[in-house]
All heavy atoms as atom14 arrays in JSON, in Angstrom:
{
  "sequence": "YESKENENMHNTYQFEQLYLSYIEKGDLNG",
  "atom14_mask": [
    [1, 1, 1, 1, 1, 1, 1, 1, 1, 1, 1, 1, 0, 0],
    [1, 1, 1, 1, 1, 1, 1, 1, 1, 0, 0, 0, 0, 0],
    [1, 1, 1, 1, 1, 1, 0, 0, 0, 0, 0, 0, 0, 0],
    [1, 1, 1, 1, 1, 1, 1, 1, 1, 0, 0, 0, 0, 0],
    [1, 1, 1, 1, 1, 1, 1, 1, 1, 0, 0, 0, 0, 0],
    [1, 1, 1, 1, 1, 1, 1, 1, 0, 0, 0, 0, 0, 0],
    [1, 1, 1, 1, 1, 1, 1, 1, 1, 0, 0, 0, 0, 0],
    [1, 1, 1, 1, 1, 1, 1, 1, 0, 0, 0, 0, 0, 0],
    [1, 1, 1, 1, 1, 1, 1, 1, 0, 0, 0, 0, 0, 0],
    [1, 1, 1, 1, 1, 1, 1, 1, 1, 1, 0, 0, 0, 0],
    [1, 1, 1, 1, 1, 1, 1, 1, 0, 0, 0, 0, 0, 0],
    [1, 1, 1, 1, 1, 1, 1, 0, 0, 0, 0, 0, 0, 0],
    [1, 1, 1, 1, 1, 1, 1, 1, 1, 1, 1, 1, 0, 0],
    [1, 1, 1, 1, 1, 1, 1, 1, 1, 0, 0, 0, 0, 0],
    [1, 1, 1, 1, 1, 1, 1, 1, 1, 1, 1, 0, 0, 0],
    [1, 1, 1, 1, 1, 1, 1, 1, 1, 0, 0, 0, 0, 0],
    [1, 1, 1, 1, 1, 1, 1, 1, 1, 0, 0, 0, 0, 0],
    [1, 1, 1, 1, 1, 1, 1, 1, 0, 0, 0, 0, 0, 0],
    [1, 1, 1, 1, 1, 1, 1, 1, 1, 1, 1, 1, 0, 0],
    [1, 1, 1, 1, 1, 1, 1, 1, 0, 0, 0, 0, 0, 0],
    [1, 1, 1, 1, 1, 1, 0, 0, 0, 0, 0, 0, 0, 0],
    [1, 1, 1, 1, 1, 1, 1, 1, 1, 1, 1, 1, 0, 0],
    [1, 1, 1, 1, 1, 1, 1, 1, 0, 0, 0, 0, 0, 0],
    [1, 1, 1, 1, 1, 1, 1, 1, 1, 0, 0, 0, 0, 0],
    [1, 1, 1, 1, 1, 1, 1, 1, 1, 0, 0, 0, 0, 0],
    [1, 1, 1, 1, 0, 0, 0, 0, 0, 0, 0, 0, 0, 0],
    [1, 1, 1, 1, 1, 1, 1, 1, 0, 0, 0, 0, 0, 0],
    [1, 1, 1, 1, 1, 1, 1, 1, 0, 0, 0, 0, 0, 0],
    [1, 1, 1, 1, 1, 1, 1, 1, 0, 0, 0, 0, 0, 0],
    [1, 1, 1, 1, 0, 0, 0, 0, 0, 0, 0, 0, 0, 0]
  ],
  "atom14_positions": [
    [[129.51, -201.61, -92.42], [129.53, -202.11, -93.81], [128.76, -201.17, -94.72], [129.23, -200.76, -95.79], [128.92, -203.52, -93.85], [128.69, -204.03, -95.25], [129.74, -204.57, -95.99], [127.42, -203.97, -95.83], [129.53, -205.03, -97.29], [127.2, -204.43, -97.12], [128.27, -204.96, -97.84], [128.05, -205.42, -99.1], [0.0, 0.0, 0.0], [0.0, 0.0, 0.0]],
    [[127.53, -200.78, -94.27], [126.69, -199.92, -95.11], [127.32, -198.54, -95.3], [127.23, -197.95, -96.38], [125.3, -199.79, -94.5], [124.5, -201.09, -94.59], [123.17, -200.99, -93.88], [122.94, -199.98, -93.18], [122.35, -201.92, -94.03], [0.0, 0.0, 0.0], [0.0, 0.0, 0.0], [0.0, 0.0, 0.0], [0.0, 0.0, 0.0], [0.0, 0.0, 0.0]],
    [[127.96, -198.01, -94.27], [128.59, -196.7, -94.36], [129.71, -196.69, -95.38], [129.86, -195.79, -96.19], [129.15, -196.27, -93.0], [128.1, -196.05, -92.09], [0.0, 0.0, 0.0], [0.0, 0.0, 0.0], [0.0, 0.0, 0.0], [0.0, 0.0, 0.0], [0.0, 0.0, 0.0], [0.0, 0.0, 0.0], [0.0, 0.0, 0.0], [0.0, 0.0, 0.0]],
    [[130.53, -197.75, -95.35], [131.65, -197.84, -96.29], [131.16, -198.08, -97.72], [131.69, -197.51, -98.68], [132.61, -198.94, -95.85], [133.38, -198.58, -94.6], [134.21, -199.74, -94.08], [134.94, -199.35, -92.8], [135.67, -200.48, -92.2], [0.0, 0.0, 0.0], [0.0, 0.0, 0.0], [0.0, 0.0, 0.0], [0.0, 0.0, 0.0], [0.0, 0.0, 0.0]],
    [[130.14, -198.93, -97.85], [129.59, -199.2, -99.18], [129.02, -197.94, -99.81], [129.17, -197.69, -101.01], [128.47, -200.25, -99.07], [128.96, -201.67, -99.02], [129.48, -202.12, -100.38], [128.67, -202.31, -101.32], [130.72, -202.27, -100.51], [0.0, 0.0, 0.0], [0.0, 0.0, 0.0], [0.0, 0.0, 0.0], [0.0, 0.0, 0.0], [0.0, 0.0, 0.0]],
    [[128.36, -197.12, -98.99], [127.71, -195.91, -99.5], [128.58, -194.67, -99.36], [128.12, -193.55, -99.62], [126.39, -195.67, -98.74], [125.42, -196.82, -98.94], [125.3, -197.36, -100.04], [124.75, -197.22, -97.86], [0.0, 0.0, 0.0], [0.0, 0.0, 0.0], [0.0, 0.0, 0.0], [0.0, 0.0, 0.0], [0.0, 0.0, 0.0], [0.0, 0.0, 0.0]],
    [[129.83, -194.86, -98.94], [130.77, -193.74, -98.71], [130.12, -192.69, -97.81], [130.24, -191.48, -98.04], [131.2, -193.13, -100.04], [131.97, -194.11, -100.92], [132.46, -193.49, -102.21], [132.0, -192.38, -102.55], [133.32, -194.1, -102.87], [0.0, 0.0, 0.0], [0.0, 0.0, 0.0], [0.0, 0.0, 0.0], [0.0, 0.0, 0.0], [0.0, 0.0, 0.0]],
    [[129.46, -193.17, -96.77], [128.7, -192.3, -95.89], [129.37, -192.27, -94.51], [128.82, -192.71, -93.52], [127.26, -192.83, -95.78], [126.35, -191.85, -95.06], [126.57, -190.66, -95.09], [125.34, -192.39, -94.4], [0.0, 0.0, 0.0], [0.0, 0.0, 0.0], [0.0, 0.0, 0.0], [0.0, 0.0, 0.0], [0.0, 0.0, 0.0], [0.0, 0.0, 0.0]],
    [[130.58, -191.75, -94.47], [131.38, -191.8, -93.24], [131.2, -190.55, -92.41], [130.91, -189.47, -92.92], [132.86, -191.97, -93.61], [133.14, -193.15, -94.53], [132.67, -194.75, -93.85], [133.93, -194.93, -92.6], [0.0, 0.0, 0.0], [0.0, 0.0, 0.0], [0.0, 0.0, 0.0], [0.0, 0.0, 0.0], [0.0, 0.0, 0.0], [0.0, 0.0, 0.0]],
    [[131.39, -190.7, -91.09], [131.34, -189.55, -90.18], [132.46, -188.56, -90.51], [133.6, -188.97, -90.7], [131.5, -189.99, -88.72], [130.39, -190.86, -88.23], [130.24, -192.17, -88.63], [129.38, -190.62, -87.36], [129.19, -192.7, -88.02], [128.64, -191.78, -87.25], [0.0, 0.0, 0.0], [0.0, 0.0, 0.0], [0.0, 0.0, 0.0], [0.0, 0.0, 0.0]],
    [[132.12, -187.29, -90.55], [133.16, -186.28, -90.82], [133.0, -185.05, -89.94], [133.35, -183.95, -90.32], [133.15, -185.88, -92.3], [131.85, -185.19, -92.7], [130.88, -185.23, -91.96], [131.84, -184.59, -93.88], [0.0, 0.0, 0.0], [0.0, 0.0, 0.0], [0.0, 0.0, 0.0], [0.0, 0.0, 0.0], [0.0, 0.0, 0.0], [0.0, 0.0, 0.0]],
    [[132.41, -185.26, -88.76], [132.1, -184.11, -87.89], [133.19, -183.81, -86.86], [133.15, -182.77, -86.22], [130.78, -184.38, -87.11], [130.94, -185.56, -86.32], [129.62, -184.54, -88.07], [0.0, 0.0, 0.0], [0.0, 0.0, 0.0], [0.0, 0.0, 0.0], [0.0, 0.0, 0.0], [0.0, 0.0, 0.0], [0.0, 0.0, 0.0], [0.0, 0.0, 0.0]],
    [[134.13, -184.73, -86.66], [135.05, -184.61, -85.52], [135.86, -183.31, -85.56], [135.91, -182.55, -84.59], [135.99, -185.81, -85.45], [136.94, -185.74, -84.27], [136.49, -186.0, -82.98], [138.27, -185.38, -84.46], [137.35, -185.91, -81.9], [139.14, -185.3, -83.38], [138.67, -185.56, -82.11], [139.53, -185.47, -81.04], [0.0, 0.0, 0.0], [0.0, 0.0, 0.0]],
    [[136.51, -183.03, -86.73], [137.33, -181.83, -86.81], [136.5, -180.57, -86.65], [136.91, -179.63, -85.97], [138.09, -181.81, -88.15], [139.27, -182.77, -88.2], [140.06, -182.64, -89.48], [139.48, -182.53, -90.56], [141.37, -182.63, -89.37], [0.0, 0.0, 0.0], [0.0, 0.0, 0.0], [0.0, 0.0, 0.0], [0.0, 0.0, 0.0], [0.0, 0.0, 0.0]],
    [[135.34, -180.55, -87.31], [134.44, -179.4, -87.16], [134.04, -179.2, -85.7], [134.07, -178.08, -85.17], [133.18, -179.62, -88.02], [132.12, -178.57, -87.83], [132.25, -177.32, -88.39], [130.98, -178.85, -87.09], [131.27, -176.35, -88.21], [130.01, -177.91, -86.89], [130.16, -176.65, -87.46], [0.0, 0.0, 0.0], [0.0, 0.0, 0.0], [0.0, 0.0, 0.0]],
    [[133.71, -180.3, -85.04], [133.3, -180.26, -83.63], [134.42, -179.69, -82.76], [134.19, -178.83, -81.91], [132.93, -181.67, -83.2], [132.44, -181.81, -81.78], [132.17, -183.27, -81.48], [131.14, -183.8, -81.97], [132.99, -183.89, -80.79], [0.0, 0.0, 0.0], [0.0, 0.0, 0.0], [0.0, 0.0, 0.0], [0.0, 0.0, 0.0], [0.0, 0.0, 0.0]],
    [[135.64, -180.17, -82.97], [136.77, -179.7, -82.17], [137.04, -178.22, -82.39], [137.39, -177.49, -81.45], [138.03, -180.52, -82.51], [137.96, -181.98, -82.1], [137.63, -182.16, -80.62], [138.35, -181.66, -79.76], [136.53, -182.84, -80.33], [0.0, 0.0, 0.0], [0.0, 0.0, 0.0], [0.0, 0.0, 0.0], [0.0, 0.0, 0.0], [0.0, 0.0, 0.0]],
    [[136.85, -177.76, -83.63], [137.07, -176.35, -83.94], [136.05, -175.46, -83.25], [136.41, -174.48, -82.58], [137.02, -176.12, -85.46], [138.3, -176.42, -86.24], [138.04, -176.37, -87.73], [139.39, -175.43, -85.86], [0.0, 0.0, 0.0], [0.0, 0.0, 0.0], [0.0, 0.0, 0.0], [0.0, 0.0, 0.0], [0.0, 0.0, 0.0], [0.0, 0.0, 0.0]],
    [[134.75, -175.78, -83.4], [133.75, -174.89, -82.82], [133.8, -174.92, -81.29], [133.56, -173.92, -80.62], [132.35, -175.15, -83.39], [131.52, -176.27, -82.81], [131.02, -176.23, -81.53], [131.16, -177.37, -83.61], [130.22, -177.24, -81.02], [130.37, -178.38, -83.12], [129.9, -178.32, -81.82], [129.11, -179.34, -81.33], [0.0, 0.0, 0.0], [0.0, 0.0, 0.0]],
    [[134.14, -176.07, -80.71], [134.27, -176.14, -79.24], [135.46, -175.28, -78.76], [135.38, -174.63, -77.71], [134.44, -177.58, -78.78], [133.19, -178.49, -78.94], [133.51, -179.91, -78.53], [132.02, -177.95, -78.14], [0.0, 0.0, 0.0], [0.0, 0.0, 0.0], [0.0, 0.0, 0.0], [0.0, 0.0, 0.0], [0.0, 0.0, 0.0], [0.0, 0.0, 0.0]],
    [[136.55, -175.27, -79.53], [137.7, -174.45, -79.15], [137.36, -172.97, -79.23], [137.78, -172.18, -78.38], [138.92, -174.77, -80.02], [138.75, -174.29, -81.34], [0.0, 0.0, 0.0], [0.0, 0.0, 0.0], [0.0, 0.0, 0.0], [0.0, 0.0, 0.0], [0.0, 0.0, 0.0], [0.0, 0.0, 0.0], [0.0, 0.0, 0.0], [0.0, 0.0, 0.0]],
    [[136.58, -172.57, -80.25], [136.17, -171.16, -80.37], [135.25, -170.77, -79.22], [135.33, -169.66, -78.69], [135.47, -170.93, -81.71], [136.4, -171.01, -82.91], [136.0, -171.67, -84.08], [137.66, -170.44, -82.89], [136.84, -171.75, -85.18], [138.52, -170.53, -83.98], [138.1, -171.18, -85.12], [138.93, -171.26, -86.2], [0.0, 0.0, 0.0], [0.0, 0.0, 0.0]],
    [[134.35, -171.67, -78.84], [133.44, -171.39, -77.72], [134.24, -171.25, -76.43], [134.02, -170.32, -75.64], [132.36, -172.5, -77.6], [131.4, -172.42, -78.79], [131.59, -172.36, -76.27], [130.48, -173.6, -78.93], [0.0, 0.0, 0.0], [0.0, 0.0, 0.0], [0.0, 0.0, 0.0], [0.0, 0.0, 0.0], [0.0, 0.0, 0.0], [0.0, 0.0, 0.0]],
    [[135.15, -172.18, -76.2], [135.96, -172.14, -74.97], [136.79, -170.84, -74.88], [136.96, -170.28, -73.79], [136.9, -173.35, -74.93], [137.71, -173.45, -73.66], [138.63, -174.65, -73.66], [138.34, -175.66, -74.34], [139.68, -174.59, -72.97], [0.0, 0.0, 0.0], [0.0, 0.0, 0.0], [0.0, 0.0, 0.0], [0.0, 0.0, 0.0], [0.0, 0.0, 0.0]],
    [[137.27, -170.36, -76.02], [138.07, -169.12, -76.03], [137.22, -167.87, -76.13], [137.73, -166.76, -76.02], [139.06, -169.15, -77.2], [140.16, -170.21, -77.06], [141.15, -170.15, -78.2], [140.57, -170.69, -79.48], [141.57, -170.84, -80.57], [0.0, 0.0, 0.0], [0.0, 0.0, 0.0], [0.0, 0.0, 0.0], [0.0, 0.0, 0.0], [0.0, 0.0, 0.0]],
    [[135.9, -168.04, -76.36], [135.03, -166.88, -76.55], [135.35, -166.15, -77.85], [135.18, -164.94, -77.95], [0.0, 0.0, 0.0], [0.0, 0.0, 0.0], [0.0, 0.0, 0.0], [0.0, 0.0, 0.0], [0.0, 0.0, 0.0], [0.0, 0.0, 0.0], [0.0, 0.0, 0.0], [0.0, 0.0, 0.0], [0.0, 0.0, 0.0], [0.0, 0.0, 0.0]],
    [[135.78, -166.9, -78.87], [136.24, -166.32, -80.14], [135.07, -166.22, -81.13], [134.82, -167.14, -81.91], [137.36, -167.18, -80.72], [138.0, -166.58, -81.96], [137.46, -165.59, -82.5], [139.03, -167.11, -82.41], [0.0, 0.0, 0.0], [0.0, 0.0, 0.0], [0.0, 0.0, 0.0], [0.0, 0.0, 0.0], [0.0, 0.0, 0.0], [0.0, 0.0, 0.0]],
    [[134.37, -165.1, -81.11], [133.21, -164.91, -81.98], [133.6, -164.85, -83.45], [132.89, -165.38, -84.31], [132.46, -163.63, -81.58], [131.61, -163.74, -80.3], [131.25, -162.36, -79.8], [130.35, -164.55, -80.57], [0.0, 0.0, 0.0], [0.0, 0.0, 0.0], [0.0, 0.0, 0.0], [0.0, 0.0, 0.0], [0.0, 0.0, 0.0], [0.0, 0.0, 0.0]],
    [[134.73, -164.19, -83.75], [135.17, -164.08, -85.15], [135.51, -165.45, -85.74], [135.12, -165.78, -86.86], [136.39, -163.16, -85.26], [136.04, -161.71, -85.0], [134.92, -161.29, -85.26], [136.99, -160.94, -84.5], [0.0, 0.0, 0.0], [0.0, 0.0, 0.0], [0.0, 0.0, 0.0], [0.0, 0.0, 0.0], [0.0, 0.0, 0.0], [0.0, 0.0, 0.0]],
    [[136.23, -166.26, -84.96], [136.59, -167.6, -85.41], [135.35, -168.45, -85.65], [135.25, -169.17, -86.66], [0.0, 0.0, 0.0], [0.0, 0.0, 0.0], [0.0, 0.0, 0.0], [0.0, 0.0, 0.0], [0.0, 0.0, 0.0], [0.0, 0.0, 0.0], [0.0, 0.0, 0.0], [0.0, 0.0, 0.0], [0.0, 0.0, 0.0], [0.0, 0.0, 0.0]]
  ]
}
């Protein structure tokens, strides 16, 4: 309730998936 009221929603999932994919591939540039 408090998160929605304050528009304080989690937004880390896509970022997390991206950096984990770069680590798994050893992609330093990405």
